[in-house]
Protein backbone atom coordinates (compact mmCIF):
# COMPACT_ATOMS: atom_id res chain seq x y z
CA MET A 1 -12.01 6.41 -22.85
CA SER A 2 -14.18 4.45 -20.85
CA ARG A 3 -13.53 2.17 -17.60
CA THR A 4 -16.07 0.11 -16.33
CA SER A 5 -15.71 -2.17 -12.94
CA SER A 6 -17.61 -4.08 -10.61
CA THR A 7 -16.69 -5.94 -7.40
CA ILE A 8 -17.67 -8.85 -5.02
CA TRP A 9 -16.97 -10.81 -2.51
CA LEU A 10 -16.96 -14.48 -2.66
CA PRO A 11 -17.17 -17.13 -0.16
CA ARG A 12 -14.14 -20.22 0.08
CA SER A 13 -16.36 -22.84 -1.71
CA ARG A 14 -16.74 -24.33 -4.86
CA ARG A 15 -19.38 -21.91 -6.66
CA SER A 16 -17.23 -19.28 -5.95
CA SER A 17 -15.47 -19.62 -9.47
CA ALA A 18 -18.82 -19.57 -11.36
CA MET A 19 -20.16 -16.50 -9.13
CA ALA A 20 -16.85 -14.66 -11.00
CA ARG A 21 -17.70 -15.94 -14.08
CA GLN A 22 -21.16 -14.55 -13.87
CA LEU A 23 -19.83 -11.43 -12.82
CA LEU A 24 -17.50 -11.21 -16.10
CA ALA A 25 -20.02 -11.82 -18.41
CA ALA A 26 -22.61 -9.20 -17.04
CA LEU A 27 -19.57 -6.67 -16.82
CA LEU A 28 -18.48 -7.54 -20.45
CA SER A 29 -21.82 -7.91 -22.04
CA SER A 30 -22.73 -4.58 -20.59
CA THR A 31 -19.10 -2.57 -21.45
CA PRO A 32 -19.45 -1.83 -25.39
CA HIS A 33 -16.71 -4.85 -27.08
CA GLY A 34 -16.32 -6.52 -24.03
CA GLU A 35 -17.18 -9.79 -25.94
CA ARG A 36 -13.25 -9.49 -27.25
CA PHE A 37 -12.39 -10.43 -23.40
CA LEU A 38 -14.46 -12.78 -22.59
CA ASP A 39 -13.34 -16.34 -23.52
CA SER A 40 -9.87 -15.92 -22.55
CA GLY A 41 -11.46 -13.75 -19.44
CA LEU A 42 -13.70 -16.48 -18.19
CA VAL A 43 -10.43 -18.73 -18.35
CA ILE A 44 -8.05 -16.43 -16.16
CA THR A 45 -11.06 -15.88 -13.53
CA THR A 46 -11.34 -19.52 -13.05
CA GLU A 47 -7.67 -20.38 -12.64
CA PHE A 48 -7.21 -17.70 -10.48
CA VAL A 49 -10.62 -18.16 -8.10
CA THR A 50 -10.59 -22.01 -7.95
CA ASN A 51 -6.36 -21.52 -6.58
CA ALA A 52 -8.15 -19.14 -4.56
CA VAL A 53 -10.59 -21.71 -2.90
CA LEU A 54 -8.19 -24.60 -3.05
CA HIS A 55 -4.68 -22.65 -1.70
CA GLY A 56 -5.10 -19.28 -0.94
CA THR A 57 -7.96 -18.82 1.52
CA PRO A 58 -7.99 -20.32 5.10
CA ILE A 59 -11.72 -21.12 6.70
CA GLY A 60 -13.54 -17.79 7.84
CA HIS A 61 -11.71 -15.80 5.38
CA LEU A 62 -13.52 -14.63 2.31
CA ILE A 63 -12.23 -13.75 -1.33
CA TYR A 64 -12.19 -10.30 -3.06
CA PHE A 65 -12.74 -10.21 -6.96
CA SER A 66 -12.54 -7.08 -9.26
CA LEU A 67 -12.53 -6.35 -12.48
CA ASP A 68 -11.62 -3.15 -14.59
CA VAL A 69 -11.81 -3.02 -18.02
CA ASP A 70 -10.86 -0.32 -20.56
CA PRO A 71 -11.14 -0.51 -24.48
CA THR A 72 -7.95 -1.90 -24.65
CA ARG A 73 -7.98 -4.43 -21.93
CA LEU A 74 -9.15 -6.31 -19.52
CA ARG A 75 -7.53 -7.00 -15.82
CA ILE A 76 -8.80 -9.16 -13.52
CA GLU A 77 -7.75 -9.57 -9.54
CA VAL A 78 -8.05 -12.48 -6.78
CA HIS A 79 -7.55 -10.94 -3.52
CA ASP A 80 -6.88 -14.09 -0.71
CA ALA A 81 -5.60 -14.33 2.74
CA ARG A 82 -2.43 -16.57 2.47
CA GLY A 83 0.11 -14.16 1.50
CA ASP A 84 3.39 -17.23 2.19
CA ARG A 85 1.65 -18.98 -0.61
CA VAL A 86 2.84 -17.71 -4.18
CA PRO A 87 1.30 -18.49 -7.79
CA SER A 88 4.11 -20.61 -9.58
CA LEU A 89 4.62 -21.97 -12.77
CA SER A 90 5.08 -25.66 -12.89
CA SER A 91 5.91 -28.14 -15.51
CA PRO A 92 3.10 -31.35 -14.57
CA GLY A 93 4.03 -34.45 -16.66
CA LEU A 94 1.60 -36.19 -19.17
CA ASP A 95 -0.35 -37.88 -16.46
CA GLY A 96 -0.52 -35.07 -14.20
CA GLU A 97 -3.74 -34.29 -13.65
CA THR A 98 -3.35 -30.91 -11.90
CA GLY A 99 -1.04 -27.91 -12.28
CA ARG A 100 -2.16 -26.63 -15.42
CA GLY A 101 -3.85 -23.76 -14.42
CA LEU A 102 -2.00 -21.53 -14.91
CA GLN A 103 0.39 -22.33 -17.57
CA LEU A 104 -3.11 -21.16 -19.27
CA VAL A 105 -2.94 -18.00 -17.66
CA ASP A 106 0.30 -17.38 -19.36
CA SER A 107 -0.41 -18.37 -22.53
CA LEU A 108 -3.68 -16.11 -22.72
CA ALA A 109 -1.96 -13.09 -20.35
CA LYS A 110 -0.37 -10.29 -21.75
CA ARG A 111 1.01 -10.20 -18.06
CA TRP A 112 -0.26 -11.32 -14.79
CA GLY A 113 1.31 -11.24 -11.82
CA CYS A 114 1.70 -11.59 -7.59
CA CYS A 115 1.95 -8.93 -5.13
CA PRO A 116 1.56 -8.88 -1.78
CA ARG A 117 -1.95 -7.42 -0.01
CA ARG A 118 -1.31 -5.49 3.27
CA PRO A 119 -2.15 -6.22 5.61
CA ILE A 120 -2.56 -9.53 5.10
CA GLY A 121 -2.16 -11.93 1.74
CA LYS A 122 -2.02 -11.51 -1.93
CA ILE A 123 -3.17 -10.18 -4.55
CA VAL A 124 -2.88 -12.21 -8.28
CA TRP A 125 -3.88 -10.48 -10.76
CA GLY A 126 -3.76 -10.30 -15.03
CA GLU A 127 -4.77 -8.55 -17.78
CA VAL A 128 -6.20 -9.61 -21.27
CA ALA A 129 -5.73 -7.02 -24.00
CA ALA A 130 -8.25 -6.15 -27.04
């Protein structure tokens, strides 16, 4: 069973989601049958990194993005510096323009969650099954 991983430090920037998606696409294209994880992985990556940029990363801090893939699953992790702001599912109204991202993650991920990161911050993670 082969396993491949990749990591990158991302700036607190609107460009970070695109950078993370590029890393994901490159990793999965070099992984046998990696394309199975691509569509769901792109959505989850975008939501996690965007949330870290907007809500989890104070000015002057970076975001750590980690991918791990094996034949049965893709694991996506985003580490940020704000442990006091944890993600939670919301129920946006019909006219709401935000708040749907984690609903998408919840529907696409086999499982996902959040845990503390020492010495500061949190890790938001999700897994996509084959």
